[in-house]
Amino acid sequence: MPARYPAELRTLLGQIAPGKPLRDGVDRILQAGMGGLVVIGDGPAVLNICSGGFLLDAAFSPQRLSELAKMDGALILAADGSRIARANVHLVPDSSVHTSETGTRHRTAERVARSLNVAVITISHRMNTITVFVGDHRHEVEPTPRLFNRANQAVSTLERYRTRLDVDAAALSTLEIEDLVTIRDVINVVQVLEGMDRIADELEGYIVELGDEGRLVRLQLVELIGGVAQERRDIVRDYRGDDKTTPLDMVLDGLAALTTDDLIDPAEVAHALRLPTTALDAAVAPRGYRMLSRIPRLPDQIIQNIVGRFGNLQRIMRATIDDLEDVEGVGEMRAQAIKDGLSRLAETAILDRY
């Protein structure tokens, strides 16, 4: 599934977020009832398509940007936005570059962004909008109050997902202890984890657009997704198919690539995990990564050694301290800690259920 906010677009949105000098200058242009076209980047490729205008090389300030926008033509800024290189410039991009825009200013902006891979900002006084272009990406900057509303909705949705994850993950732990896990049980948790990952990605975009105004939203996001990435990785390591030629990251990427419609289809999720798609109620045994990762101060390499030695969670739980000591990197004290840790986790899981 393509990212809603690719890296290059996030960088540009961060430059034009509320509280940033560039956003202040753009807002001044809008408030004055003017339009404008701003190119961020004054490299040779940009200068080659410039015609006329004035060479300034002046330090950037919001006031200067809005005053210079009174003239026709584009404004050229340095790549870091610290200086105004040129003003009142006529841009002549490659006319063969495809554009879906209709207005002259927006068509020019899209062609410049696509052909030169630079960031371009257009300000439309008639539509009262700010639109940014970078590469093949186009994004209309939304007003701050509307962004806050969307961010709050995303946070509320993420809170509900987090509550469901806590319940479903606890239920899965109990089933693992009792050796009663089915493919459908695993898929239920994976669907929640993937949903949370997508909501978090969308919320990250809102936070970038909000700039300094999004600090509290970011704190909420950090709290809500704490441990989710590790849980996602561990559950995939536990339950993905037995084909060892497929790297773990490839399976994770396959899950991330599922469309929203595919994500709600259990068979598609099972296929992405390399599990049978026709017997979702069939029993499946966890390897033990997820449960072992909950034992404090147990390195990942030791976890891999234990899983490699015993094969699945039930065998690990039945292993004696002497058996655990035979694993590379596990001494007597660590073996005792593993045995005690698994016993506590089993007891907690049973108590939570009953």
Protein backbone atom coordinates (compact mmCIF):
# COMPACT_ATOMS: atom_id res chain seq x y z
CA MET A 1 0.00 0.00 0.00
CA PRO A 2 1.63 3.31 -1.07
CA ALA A 3 2.51 5.71 1.73
CA ARG A 4 0.16 8.64 2.14
CA TYR A 5 3.09 10.94 2.95
CA PRO A 6 6.29 9.91 1.10
CA ALA A 7 9.58 11.12 2.60
CA GLU A 8 10.16 13.94 0.10
CA LEU A 9 6.62 15.26 0.63
CA ARG A 10 7.02 15.13 4.42
CA THR A 11 10.17 17.23 4.14
CA LEU A 12 8.35 19.90 2.15
CA LEU A 13 5.33 19.87 4.46
CA GLY A 14 7.69 20.30 7.40
CA GLN A 15 9.10 23.45 5.76
CA ILE A 16 5.66 24.94 5.24
CA ALA A 17 4.09 23.86 8.54
CA PRO A 18 2.42 26.42 10.84
CA GLY A 19 5.01 28.33 12.83
CA LYS A 20 7.68 28.08 10.12
CA PRO A 21 8.91 31.30 8.43
CA LEU A 22 8.01 30.00 4.96
CA ARG A 23 4.42 29.31 6.07
CA ASP A 24 4.22 32.80 7.55
CA GLY A 25 5.27 34.28 4.21
CA VAL A 26 2.80 32.15 2.24
CA ASP A 27 -0.02 33.08 4.64
CA ARG A 28 0.82 36.76 4.19
CA ILE A 29 0.45 36.35 0.42
CA LEU A 30 -2.98 34.76 0.86
CA GLN A 31 -4.12 37.34 3.39
CA ALA A 32 -3.18 40.11 0.95
CA GLY A 33 -5.43 38.56 -1.69
CA MET A 34 -2.54 37.67 -3.98
CA GLY A 35 -1.32 34.51 -5.67
CA GLY A 36 2.16 33.20 -6.15
CA LEU A 37 4.51 30.46 -7.31
CA VAL A 38 7.55 29.59 -5.20
CA VAL A 39 10.31 27.19 -6.27
CA ILE A 40 12.53 25.82 -3.48
CA GLY A 41 15.89 25.19 -5.11
CA ASP A 42 18.19 27.44 -7.16
CA GLY A 43 20.43 24.84 -8.76
CA PRO A 44 21.59 24.98 -12.40
CA ALA A 45 18.63 22.90 -13.60
CA VAL A 46 16.18 25.43 -12.16
CA LEU A 47 18.10 28.45 -13.42
CA ASN A 48 18.15 26.95 -16.92
CA ILE A 49 14.35 27.24 -17.18
CA CYS A 50 14.24 30.79 -15.75
CA SER A 51 13.64 33.72 -18.07
CA GLY A 52 13.83 37.37 -17.03
CA GLY A 53 13.21 38.51 -13.50
CA PHE A 54 15.59 39.97 -10.96
CA LEU A 55 18.63 38.51 -9.26
CA LEU A 56 18.32 39.23 -5.54
CA ASP A 57 20.25 36.78 -3.34
CA ALA A 58 18.63 38.36 -0.28
CA ALA A 59 18.09 36.76 3.13
CA PHE A 60 14.64 35.21 3.41
CA SER A 61 11.94 36.81 5.54
CA PRO A 62 8.15 36.38 5.40
CA GLN A 63 7.74 40.11 4.78
CA ARG A 64 10.10 40.09 1.80
CA LEU A 65 8.37 37.06 0.31
CA SER A 66 4.93 38.69 0.47
CA GLU A 67 6.20 42.00 -0.90
CA LEU A 68 7.98 40.35 -3.83
CA ALA A 69 4.85 38.31 -4.60
CA LYS A 70 3.18 41.58 -5.69
CA MET A 71 5.13 41.26 -8.92
CA ASP A 72 4.13 38.75 -11.57
CA GLY A 73 6.28 35.68 -12.02
CA ALA A 74 7.81 33.04 -9.79
CA LEU A 75 10.00 33.38 -6.72
CA ILE A 76 13.13 31.21 -6.51
CA LEU A 77 14.42 30.30 -3.05
CA ALA A 78 17.63 28.55 -2.03
CA ALA A 79 17.28 24.82 -1.40
CA ASP A 80 17.24 25.33 2.38
CA GLY A 81 14.82 28.26 2.12
CA SER A 82 17.27 30.64 3.80
CA ARG A 83 17.62 33.07 0.85
CA ILE A 84 15.48 34.51 -1.93
CA ALA A 85 17.58 34.00 -5.06
CA ARG A 86 15.36 35.51 -7.76
CA ALA A 87 11.99 37.21 -8.15
CA ASN A 88 9.54 38.01 -10.97
CA VAL A 89 10.89 35.04 -12.94
CA HIS A 90 9.13 33.50 -15.94
CA LEU A 91 9.50 29.70 -15.83
CA VAL A 92 9.74 27.72 -19.07
CA PRO A 93 9.56 24.01 -18.13
CA ASP A 94 9.54 21.14 -20.63
CA SER A 95 6.10 21.30 -22.27
CA SER A 96 6.20 17.57 -23.03
CA VAL A 97 6.00 16.71 -19.32
CA HIS A 98 2.51 15.43 -18.50
CA THR A 99 0.34 17.52 -16.19
CA SER A 100 -3.21 16.97 -14.98
CA GLU A 101 -3.63 20.58 -13.86
CA THR A 102 -5.68 23.16 -15.76
CA GLY A 103 -4.60 26.54 -14.39
CA THR A 104 -1.46 28.11 -15.87
CA ARG A 105 0.29 28.52 -12.52
CA HIS A 106 -0.48 24.97 -11.38
CA ARG A 107 0.47 23.45 -14.74
CA THR A 108 3.83 25.18 -14.59
CA ALA A 109 4.37 24.09 -10.99
CA GLU A 110 3.61 20.44 -11.70
CA ARG A 111 5.85 20.36 -14.77
CA VAL A 112 8.74 21.96 -12.89
CA ALA A 113 8.36 19.55 -9.96
CA ARG A 114 8.16 16.48 -12.19
CA SER A 115 10.93 17.35 -14.61
CA LEU A 116 13.44 18.73 -12.08
CA ASN A 117 12.36 16.90 -8.90
CA VAL A 118 12.28 20.11 -6.86
CA ALA A 119 9.65 21.41 -4.46
CA VAL A 120 7.19 23.97 -5.79
CA ILE A 121 4.49 25.85 -3.88
CA THR A 122 1.50 27.53 -5.52
CA ILE A 123 -0.75 30.05 -3.79
CA SER A 124 -4.19 30.62 -5.30
CA HIS A 125 -5.97 33.75 -4.04
CA ARG A 126 -9.13 32.88 -5.98
CA MET A 127 -9.49 29.43 -4.40
CA ASN A 128 -7.76 30.48 -1.16
CA THR A 129 -5.58 27.35 -1.29
CA ILE A 130 -1.93 26.39 -0.93
CA THR A 131 -0.79 23.46 -3.08
CA VAL A 132 2.64 21.85 -2.98
CA PHE A 133 4.30 19.76 -5.66
CA VAL A 134 7.43 17.62 -5.32
CA GLY A 135 8.41 15.01 -7.88
CA ASP A 136 5.21 13.24 -8.90
CA HIS A 137 3.44 14.13 -5.66
CA ARG A 138 0.76 16.78 -5.29
CA HIS A 139 -0.73 17.83 -1.96
CA GLU A 140 -3.16 20.57 -1.01
CA VAL A 141 -2.29 22.07 2.35
CA GLU A 142 -5.32 22.09 4.60
CA PRO A 143 -6.23 24.79 7.16
CA THR A 144 -4.91 24.14 10.66
CA PRO A 145 -8.37 23.74 12.32
CA ARG A 146 -9.33 21.05 9.79
CA LEU A 147 -6.02 19.25 10.36
CA PHE A 148 -6.65 19.28 14.11
CA ASN A 149 -10.08 17.71 13.57
CA ARG A 150 -8.64 14.96 11.40
CA ALA A 151 -5.76 14.34 13.81
CA ASN A 152 -8.17 14.06 16.75
CA GLN A 153 -10.34 11.60 14.80
CA ALA A 154 -7.25 9.52 13.99
CA VAL A 155 -6.18 9.54 17.67
CA SER A 156 -9.66 8.40 18.75
CA THR A 157 -9.60 5.59 16.20
CA LEU A 158 -6.10 4.58 17.28
CA GLU A 159 -7.24 4.47 20.92
CA ARG A 160 -10.04 2.05 20.02
CA TYR A 161 -7.60 -0.11 18.05
CA ARG A 162 -5.18 -0.10 21.00
CA THR A 163 -7.92 -1.29 23.35
CA ARG A 164 -8.84 -4.07 20.95
CA LEU A 165 -5.18 -5.03 20.50
CA ASP A 166 -4.68 -5.36 24.25
CA VAL A 167 -7.72 -7.64 24.51
CA ASP A 168 -6.92 -9.76 21.44
CA ALA A 169 -3.21 -10.05 22.28
CA ALA A 170 -4.02 -11.19 25.83
CA ALA A 171 -6.46 -13.76 24.46
CA LEU A 172 -3.82 -15.00 22.01
CA SER A 173 -1.30 -15.38 24.86
CA THR A 174 -3.74 -17.57 26.76
CA LEU A 175 -4.38 -19.70 23.69
CA GLU A 176 -0.62 -20.05 23.16
CA ILE A 177 -0.16 -21.28 26.72
CA GLU A 178 -2.99 -23.79 26.27
CA ASP A 179 -1.78 -24.78 22.78
CA LEU A 180 -5.16 -23.91 21.21
CA VAL A 181 -4.18 -21.27 18.64
CA THR A 182 -5.79 -21.32 15.19
CA ILE A 183 -4.81 -19.40 12.07
CA ARG A 184 -7.91 -17.23 12.49
CA ASP A 185 -6.79 -16.18 15.99
CA VAL A 186 -3.47 -15.04 14.59
CA ILE A 187 -5.09 -13.16 11.71
CA ASN A 188 -7.37 -11.27 14.10
CA VAL A 189 -4.36 -9.81 15.90
CA VAL A 190 -2.39 -9.16 12.69
CA GLN A 191 -5.32 -7.22 11.21
CA VAL A 192 -5.40 -4.94 14.26
CA LEU A 193 -1.63 -4.42 14.17
CA GLU A 194 -1.65 -3.55 10.48
CA GLY A 195 -4.60 -1.21 10.97
CA MET A 196 -2.74 0.58 13.76
CA ASP A 197 0.36 0.91 11.59
CA ARG A 198 -1.66 2.61 8.84
CA ILE A 199 -3.49 4.95 11.19
CA ALA A 200 -0.18 5.89 12.81
CA ASP A 201 1.35 6.64 9.40
CA GLU A 202 -1.57 8.91 8.52
CA LEU A 203 -1.35 10.61 11.90
CA GLU A 204 2.39 11.18 11.41
CA GLY A 205 1.52 13.10 8.24
CA TYR A 206 -0.93 15.32 10.11
CA ILE A 207 1.70 15.98 12.77
CA VAL A 208 4.21 17.01 10.11
CA GLU A 209 1.64 19.38 8.58
CA LEU A 210 0.77 20.82 11.98
CA GLY A 211 4.39 21.62 12.76
CA ASP A 212 4.83 23.16 16.21
CA GLU A 213 1.07 22.90 16.76
CA GLY A 214 1.24 19.09 16.64
CA ARG A 215 3.43 18.50 19.71
CA LEU A 216 0.65 17.17 21.95
CA VAL A 217 -0.71 14.96 19.16
CA ARG A 218 2.76 13.46 18.75
CA LEU A 219 2.95 12.62 22.44
CA GLN A 220 -0.40 10.82 22.18
CA LEU A 221 0.82 8.91 19.14
CA VAL A 222 4.03 7.79 20.87
CA GLU A 223 2.04 6.53 23.85
CA LEU A 224 -0.52 4.65 21.77
CA ILE A 225 1.90 2.81 19.48
CA GLY A 226 4.44 1.90 22.15
CA GLY A 227 5.53 -1.71 21.60
CA VAL A 228 3.32 -2.19 18.54
CA ALA A 229 6.19 -2.51 16.04
CA GLN A 230 7.90 -5.17 18.18
CA GLU A 231 4.62 -7.04 18.68
CA ARG A 232 4.02 -7.02 14.92
CA ARG A 233 7.50 -8.36 14.21
CA ASP A 234 7.32 -11.05 16.90
CA ILE A 235 3.90 -12.36 15.87
CA VAL A 236 5.04 -12.66 12.26
CA ARG A 237 8.20 -14.46 13.36
CA ASP A 238 6.04 -16.82 15.41
CA TYR A 239 3.45 -17.73 12.81
CA ARG A 240 4.75 -17.15 9.29
CA GLY A 241 4.97 -20.17 7.06
CA ASP A 242 7.82 -22.66 7.17
CA ASP A 243 9.47 -21.42 3.96
CA LYS A 244 12.82 -20.29 5.38
CA THR A 245 13.96 -18.95 2.01
CA THR A 246 11.60 -15.98 2.40
CA PRO A 247 13.23 -13.30 4.61
CA LEU A 248 11.20 -11.99 7.53
CA ASP A 249 11.33 -8.42 6.20
CA MET A 250 9.81 -9.58 2.93
CA VAL A 251 6.83 -11.06 4.79
CA LEU A 252 6.43 -7.83 6.77
CA ASP A 253 6.61 -5.79 3.56
CA GLY A 254 3.99 -8.07 2.01
CA LEU A 255 1.61 -7.34 4.88
CA ALA A 256 2.27 -3.60 4.59
CA ALA A 257 1.54 -3.78 0.84
CA LEU A 258 -1.97 -5.19 1.34
CA THR A 259 -4.74 -2.83 0.33
CA THR A 260 -7.45 -1.94 2.83
CA ASP A 261 -9.86 -4.36 1.14
CA ASP A 262 -7.26 -7.15 1.25
CA LEU A 263 -6.49 -6.45 4.91
CA ILE A 264 -10.06 -7.18 6.00
CA ASP A 265 -10.03 -10.45 4.04
CA PRO A 266 -8.62 -13.21 6.33
CA ALA A 267 -7.55 -15.32 3.35
CA GLU A 268 -5.40 -12.48 1.95
CA VAL A 269 -3.72 -11.95 5.31
CA ALA A 270 -3.08 -15.70 5.64
CA HIS A 271 -1.56 -15.70 2.14
CA ALA A 272 0.74 -12.80 3.07
CA LEU A 273 1.86 -14.79 6.14
CA ARG A 274 2.53 -17.85 3.93
CA LEU A 275 -0.15 -19.81 5.83
CA PRO A 276 -2.91 -22.04 4.41
CA THR A 277 -5.84 -19.95 3.14
CA THR A 278 -8.49 -22.69 3.00
CA ALA A 279 -8.35 -23.92 6.60
CA LEU A 280 -8.40 -20.82 8.80
CA ASP A 281 -9.62 -22.80 11.81
CA ALA A 282 -6.69 -25.19 11.62
CA ALA A 283 -4.36 -25.35 14.62
CA VAL A 284 -1.02 -23.57 14.44
CA ALA A 285 1.83 -23.60 16.95
CA PRO A 286 3.83 -20.46 17.85
CA ARG A 287 7.59 -20.73 17.66
CA GLY A 288 8.00 -18.78 20.90
CA TYR A 289 9.52 -15.45 19.84
CA ARG A 290 6.60 -13.39 21.11
CA MET A 291 6.47 -14.97 24.56
CA LEU A 292 10.25 -15.04 25.06
CA SER A 293 10.55 -11.36 24.08
CA ARG A 294 8.45 -10.51 27.16
CA ILE A 295 11.10 -11.85 29.50
CA PRO A 296 13.24 -8.91 30.71
CA ARG A 297 16.86 -8.59 29.59
CA LEU A 298 16.76 -11.52 27.19
CA PRO A 299 18.78 -10.62 24.05
CA ASP A 300 17.28 -11.35 20.67
CA GLN A 301 20.17 -13.64 19.73
CA ILE A 302 19.50 -15.81 22.78
CA ILE A 303 15.80 -15.93 21.85
CA GLN A 304 16.74 -17.12 18.36
CA ASN A 305 19.05 -19.77 19.81
CA ILE A 306 16.29 -21.07 22.11
CA VAL A 307 13.71 -21.21 19.30
CA GLY A 308 16.23 -22.87 17.02
CA ARG A 309 16.94 -25.49 19.67
CA PHE A 310 13.36 -26.38 20.68
CA GLY A 311 11.25 -25.39 17.66
CA ASN A 312 8.01 -24.20 19.30
CA LEU A 313 6.63 -22.63 22.47
CA GLN A 314 5.22 -25.78 24.03
CA ARG A 315 8.60 -27.53 23.88
CA ILE A 316 10.30 -24.46 25.33
CA MET A 317 7.84 -24.38 28.24
CA ARG A 318 8.33 -28.09 28.94
CA ALA A 319 12.12 -27.76 28.84
CA THR A 320 13.97 -28.21 32.12
CA ILE A 321 16.62 -25.85 33.40
CA ASP A 322 19.27 -28.34 32.30
CA ASP A 323 17.76 -28.40 28.80
CA LEU A 324 17.84 -24.60 28.63
CA GLU A 325 21.45 -24.52 29.83
CA ASP A 326 22.41 -26.60 26.78
CA VAL A 327 21.43 -23.69 24.53
CA GLU A 328 24.34 -21.52 23.39
CA GLY A 329 24.55 -18.35 25.48
CA VAL A 330 22.23 -19.58 28.25
CA GLY A 331 23.89 -20.19 31.59
CA GLU A 332 22.40 -21.46 34.83
CA MET A 333 21.13 -18.08 36.05
CA ARG A 334 19.63 -17.16 32.69
CA ALA A 335 18.02 -20.59 32.35
CA GLN A 336 16.37 -20.12 35.75
CA ALA A 337 15.22 -16.61 34.76
CA ILE A 338 13.70 -17.95 31.52
CA LYS A 339 11.90 -20.77 33.34
CA ASP A 340 10.55 -18.40 36.00
CA GLY A 341 9.59 -15.79 33.41
CA LEU A 342 7.60 -18.24 31.31
CA SER A 343 5.84 -19.55 34.43
CA ARG A 344 4.81 -16.02 35.41
CA LEU A 345 3.57 -15.26 31.90
CA ALA A 346 1.55 -18.48 31.85
CA GLU A 347 0.03 -17.75 35.25
CA THR A 348 -0.86 -14.19 34.25
CA ALA A 349 -2.45 -15.31 30.98
CA ILE A 350 -4.62 -17.91 32.71
CA LEU A 351 -5.69 -15.46 35.43
CA ASP A 352 -6.60 -12.81 32.84
CA ARG A 353 -8.83 -15.27 31.04
CA TYR A 354 -10.57 -16.85 34.02
